[in-house]
Amino acid sequence: MSVSSFDEAERRRLAKLARHTAQVRYGRRLRILRLVGVGVAVLVMVLVVAR
């Protein structure tokens, strides 16, 4: 195995890791937004019912 192919494999691994990290971060943000949306919907329902 030559040095260049090792560098290529390492670069590919790092790119895969970065992509995975971005996916995890995006998924967490999506989950938080969904929770906020549900909270707002429940709040509106409670306010409408309480009237």
PDB file of N, CA and C in Angstrom:
ATOM      1  N   MET A   1       0.856  -1.193   0.000  1.00  0.00           N
ATOM      2  CA  MET A   1       0.000   0.000   0.000  1.00  0.00           C
ATOM      3  C   MET A   1       0.891   1.242   0.000  1.00  0.00           C
ATOM      4  N   SER A   2       0.722   2.078  -0.981  1.00  0.00           N
ATOM      5  CA  SER A   2       1.576   3.263  -1.097  1.00  0.00           C
ATOM      6  C   SER A   2       1.064   4.369  -0.183  1.00  0.00           C
ATOM      7  N   VAL A   3       1.891   5.372  -0.005  1.00  0.00           N
ATOM      8  CA  VAL A   3       1.536   6.487   0.878  1.00  0.00           C
ATOM      9  C   VAL A   3       0.352   7.260   0.316  1.00  0.00           C
ATOM     10  N   SER A   4       0.314   7.444  -1.006  1.00  0.00           N
ATOM     11  CA  SER A   4      -0.748   8.244  -1.610  1.00  0.00           C
ATOM     12  C   SER A   4      -2.120   7.578  -1.418  1.00  0.00           C
ATOM     13  N   SER A   5      -2.174   6.251  -1.549  1.00  0.00           N
ATOM     14  CA  SER A   5      -3.458   5.578  -1.373  1.00  0.00           C
ATOM     15  C   SER A   5      -3.892   5.624   0.093  1.00  0.00           C
ATOM     16  N   PHE A   6      -2.916   5.606   1.009  1.00  0.00           N
ATOM     17  CA  PHE A   6      -3.248   5.734   2.421  1.00  0.00           C
ATOM     18  C   PHE A   6      -3.820   7.121   2.700  1.00  0.00           C
ATOM     19  N   ASP A   7      -3.202   8.152   2.113  1.00  0.00           N
ATOM     20  CA  ASP A   7      -3.721   9.512   2.272  1.00  0.00           C
ATOM     21  C   ASP A   7      -5.132   9.621   1.712  1.00  0.00           C
ATOM     22  N   GLU A   8      -5.343   8.981   0.569  1.00  0.00           N
ATOM     23  CA  GLU A   8      -6.669   9.016  -0.062  1.00  0.00           C
ATOM     24  C   GLU A   8      -7.714   8.363   0.854  1.00  0.00           C
ATOM     25  N   ALA A   9      -7.363   7.214   1.429  1.00  0.00           N
ATOM     26  CA  ALA A   9      -8.295   6.512   2.321  1.00  0.00           C
ATOM     27  C   ALA A   9      -8.581   7.358   3.566  1.00  0.00           C
ATOM     28  N   GLU A  10      -7.548   7.987   4.096  1.00  0.00           N
ATOM     29  CA  GLU A  10      -7.724   8.826   5.285  1.00  0.00           C
ATOM     30  C   GLU A  10      -8.609  10.036   4.967  1.00  0.00           C
ATOM     31  N   ARG A  11      -8.357  10.624   3.807  1.00  0.00           N
ATOM     32  CA  ARG A  11      -9.159  11.794   3.404  1.00  0.00           C
ATOM     33  C   ARG A  11     -10.622  11.395   3.224  1.00  0.00           C
ATOM     34  N   ARG A  12     -10.843  10.209   2.622  1.00  0.00           N
ATOM     35  CA  ARG A  12     -12.216   9.737   2.419  1.00  0.00           C
ATOM     36  C   ARG A  12     -12.894   9.474   3.768  1.00  0.00           C
ATOM     37  N   ARG A  13     -12.122   8.894   4.722  1.00  0.00           N
ATOM     38  CA  ARG A  13     -12.682   8.612   6.050  1.00  0.00           C
ATOM     39  C   ARG A  13     -13.058   9.906   6.758  1.00  0.00           C
ATOM     40  N   LEU A  14     -12.194  10.910   6.660  1.00  0.00           N
ATOM     41  CA  LEU A  14     -12.479  12.195   7.304  1.00  0.00           C
ATOM     42  C   LEU A  14     -13.704  12.862   6.685  1.00  0.00           C
ATOM     43  N   ALA A  15     -13.834  12.758   5.348  1.00  0.00           N
ATOM     44  CA  ALA A  15     -14.985  13.347   4.678  1.00  0.00           C
ATOM     45  C   ALA A  15     -16.274  12.650   5.125  1.00  0.00           C
ATOM     46  N   LYS A  16     -16.202  11.321   5.253  1.00  0.00           N
ATOM     47  CA  LYS A  16     -17.373  10.564   5.698  1.00  0.00           C
ATOM     48  C   LYS A  16     -17.757  10.967   7.121  1.00  0.00           C
ATOM     49  N   LEU A  17     -16.748  11.121   7.976  1.00  0.00           N
ATOM     50  CA  LEU A  17     -16.995  11.510   9.364  1.00  0.00           C
ATOM     51  C   LEU A  17     -17.624  12.897   9.431  1.00  0.00           C
ATOM     52  N   ALA A  18     -17.105  13.835   8.622  1.00  0.00           N
ATOM     53  CA  ALA A  18     -17.646  15.195   8.609  1.00  0.00           C
ATOM     54  C   ALA A  18     -19.094  15.193   8.138  1.00  0.00           C
ATOM     55  N   ARG A  19     -19.380  14.372   7.104  1.00  0.00           N
ATOM     56  CA  ARG A  19     -20.749  14.297   6.593  1.00  0.00           C
ATOM     57  C   ARG A  19     -21.678  13.725   7.653  1.00  0.00           C
ATOM     58  N   HIS A  20     -21.216  12.689   8.381  1.00  0.00           N
ATOM     59  CA  HIS A  20     -22.024  12.086   9.439  1.00  0.00           C
ATOM     60  C   HIS A  20     -22.291  13.099  10.549  1.00  0.00           C
ATOM     61  N   THR A  21     -21.247  13.866  10.931  1.00  0.00           N
ATOM     62  CA  THR A  21     -21.411  14.877  11.979  1.00  0.00           C
ATOM     63  C   THR A  21     -22.440  15.919  11.567  1.00  0.00           C
ATOM     64  N   ALA A  22     -22.385  16.338  10.307  1.00  0.00           N
ATOM     65  CA  ALA A  22     -23.347  17.326   9.809  1.00  0.00           C
ATOM     66  C   ALA A  22     -24.764  16.753   9.844  1.00  0.00           C
ATOM     67  N   GLN A  23     -24.916  15.477   9.472  1.00  0.00           N
ATOM     68  CA  GLN A  23     -26.236  14.837   9.501  1.00  0.00           C
ATOM     69  C   GLN A  23     -26.781  14.793  10.924  1.00  0.00           C
ATOM     70  N   VAL A  24     -25.913  14.437  11.881  1.00  0.00           N
ATOM     71  CA  VAL A  24     -26.354  14.351  13.279  1.00  0.00           C
ATOM     72  C   VAL A  24     -26.784  15.721  13.775  1.00  0.00           C
ATOM     73  N   ARG A  25     -25.977  16.743  13.437  1.00  0.00           N
ATOM     74  CA  ARG A  25     -26.303  18.095  13.892  1.00  0.00           C
ATOM     75  C   ARG A  25     -27.618  18.555  13.277  1.00  0.00           C
ATOM     76  N   TYR A  26     -27.818  18.263  11.981  1.00  0.00           N
ATOM     77  CA  TYR A  26     -29.050  18.656  11.299  1.00  0.00           C
ATOM     78  C   TYR A  26     -30.247  17.921  11.903  1.00  0.00           C
ATOM     79  N   GLY A  27     -30.058  16.631  12.206  1.00  0.00           N
ATOM     80  CA  GLY A  27     -31.149  15.850  12.786  1.00  0.00           C
ATOM     81  C   GLY A  27     -31.550  16.374  14.148  1.00  0.00           C
ATOM     82  N   ARG A  28     -30.569  16.790  14.948  1.00  0.00           N
ATOM     83  CA  ARG A  28     -30.866  17.327  16.273  1.00  0.00           C
ATOM     84  C   ARG A  28     -31.653  18.624  16.143  1.00  0.00           C
ATOM     85  N   ARG A  29     -31.240  19.490  15.183  1.00  0.00           N
ATOM     86  CA  ARG A  29     -31.948  20.754  14.984  1.00  0.00           C
ATOM     87  C   ARG A  29     -33.379  20.490  14.542  1.00  0.00           C
ATOM     88  N   LEU A  30     -33.557  19.493  13.660  1.00  0.00           N
ATOM     89  CA  LEU A  30     -34.888  19.160  13.167  1.00  0.00           C
ATOM     90  C   LEU A  30     -35.773  18.692  14.318  1.00  0.00           C
ATOM     91  N   ARG A  31     -35.202  17.872  15.228  1.00  0.00           N
ATOM     92  CA  ARG A  31     -35.963  17.364  16.363  1.00  0.00           C
ATOM     93  C   ARG A  31     -36.388  18.511  17.284  1.00  0.00           C
ATOM     94  N   ILE A  32     -35.477  19.463  17.517  1.00  0.00           N
ATOM     95  CA  ILE A  32     -35.802  20.601  18.380  1.00  0.00           C
ATOM     96  C   ILE A  32     -36.911  21.438  17.748  1.00  0.00           C
ATOM     97  N   LEU A  33     -36.801  21.665  16.420  1.00  0.00           N
ATOM     98  CA  LEU A  33     -37.838  22.449  15.736  1.00  0.00           C
ATOM     99  C   LEU A  33     -39.183  21.750  15.827  1.00  0.00           C
ATOM    100  N   ARG A  34     -39.185  20.423  15.691  1.00  0.00           N
ATOM    101  CA  ARG A  34     -40.442  19.669  15.772  1.00  0.00           C
ATOM    102  C   ARG A  34     -41.046  19.800  17.167  1.00  0.00           C
ATOM    103  N   LEU A  35     -40.190  19.695  18.205  1.00  0.00           N
ATOM    104  CA  LEU A  35     -40.684  19.837  19.581  1.00  0.00           C
ATOM    105  C   LEU A  35     -41.272  21.224  19.806  1.00  0.00           C
ATOM    106  N   VAL A  36     -40.597  22.253  19.287  1.00  0.00           N
ATOM    107  CA  VAL A  36     -41.106  23.622  19.430  1.00  0.00           C
ATOM    108  C   VAL A  36     -42.450  23.756  18.726  1.00  0.00           C
ATOM    109  N   GLY A  37     -42.570  23.172  17.533  1.00  0.00           N
ATOM    110  CA  GLY A  37     -43.816  23.233  16.786  1.00  0.00           C
ATOM    111  C   GLY A  37     -44.960  22.566  17.538  1.00  0.00           C
ATOM    112  N   VAL A  38     -44.693  21.406  18.116  1.00  0.00           N
ATOM    113  CA  VAL A  38     -45.722  20.689  18.890  1.00  0.00           C
ATOM    114  C   VAL A  38     -46.112  21.520  20.119  1.00  0.00           C
ATOM    115  N   GLY A  39     -45.110  22.113  20.778  1.00  0.00           N
ATOM    116  CA  GLY A  39     -45.384  22.938  21.954  1.00  0.00           C
ATOM    117  C   GLY A  39     -46.272  24.125  21.609  1.00  0.00           C
ATOM    118  N   VAL A  40     -45.984  24.783  20.489  1.00  0.00           N
ATOM    119  CA  VAL A  40     -46.797  25.930  20.063  1.00  0.00           C
ATOM    120  C   VAL A  40     -48.213  25.478  19.734  1.00  0.00           C
ATOM    121  N   ALA A  41     -48.345  24.344  19.055  1.00  0.00           N
ATOM    122  CA  ALA A  41     -49.670  23.839  18.693  1.00  0.00           C
ATOM    123  C   ALA A  41     -50.496  23.517  19.939  1.00  0.00           C
ATOM    124  N   VAL A  42     -49.856  22.888  20.927  1.00  0.00           N
ATOM    125  CA  VAL A  42     -50.553  22.560  22.176  1.00  0.00           C
ATOM    126  C   VAL A  42     -50.961  23.844  22.890  1.00  0.00           C
ATOM    127  N   LEU A  43     -50.073  24.824  22.909  1.00  0.00           N
ATOM    128  CA  LEU A  43     -50.373  26.093  23.563  1.00  0.00           C
ATOM    129  C   LEU A  43     -51.571  26.783  22.913  1.00  0.00           C
ATOM    130  N   VAL A  44     -51.605  26.792  21.583  1.00  0.00           N
ATOM    131  CA  VAL A  44     -52.729  27.407  20.865  1.00  0.00           C
ATOM    132  C   VAL A  44     -54.024  26.660  21.168  1.00  0.00           C
ATOM    133  N   MET A  45     -53.949  25.318  21.170  1.00  0.00           N
ATOM    134  CA  MET A  45     -55.151  24.530  21.473  1.00  0.00           C
ATOM    135  C   MET A  45     -55.674  24.849  22.867  1.00  0.00           C
ATOM    136  N   VAL A  46     -54.766  24.914  23.847  1.00  0.00           N
ATOM    137  CA  VAL A  46     -55.160  25.208  25.230  1.00  0.00           C
ATOM    138  C   VAL A  46     -55.796  26.591  25.307  1.00  0.00           C
ATOM    139  N   LEU A  47     -55.220  27.570  24.633  1.00  0.00           N
ATOM    140  CA  LEU A  47     -55.771  28.924  24.659  1.00  0.00           C
ATOM    141  C   LEU A  47     -57.160  28.959  24.013  1.00  0.00           C
ATOM    142  N   VAL A  48     -57.321  28.224  22.902  1.00  0.00           N
ATOM    143  CA  VAL A  48     -58.631  28.196  22.219  1.00  0.00           C
ATOM    144  C   VAL A  48     -59.665  27.512  23.106  1.00  0.00           C
ATOM    145  N   VAL A  49     -59.294  26.391  23.737  1.00  0.00           N
ATOM    146  CA  VAL A  49     -60.242  25.659  24.580  1.00  0.00           C
ATOM    147  C   VAL A  49     -60.564  26.469  25.834  1.00  0.00           C
ATOM    148  N   ALA A  50     -59.593  27.199  26.368  1.00  0.00           N
ATOM    149  CA  ALA A  50     -59.796  27.930  27.619  1.00  0.00           C
ATOM    150  C   ALA A  50     -60.728  29.128  27.430  1.00  0.00           C
ATOM    151  N   ARG A  51     -60.855  29.601  26.196  1.00  0.00           N
ATOM    152  CA  ARG A  51     -61.733  30.764  25.975  1.00  0.00           C
ATOM    153  C   ARG A  51     -63.166  30.469  26.368  1.00  0.00           C
TER     154      ARG A  51
END
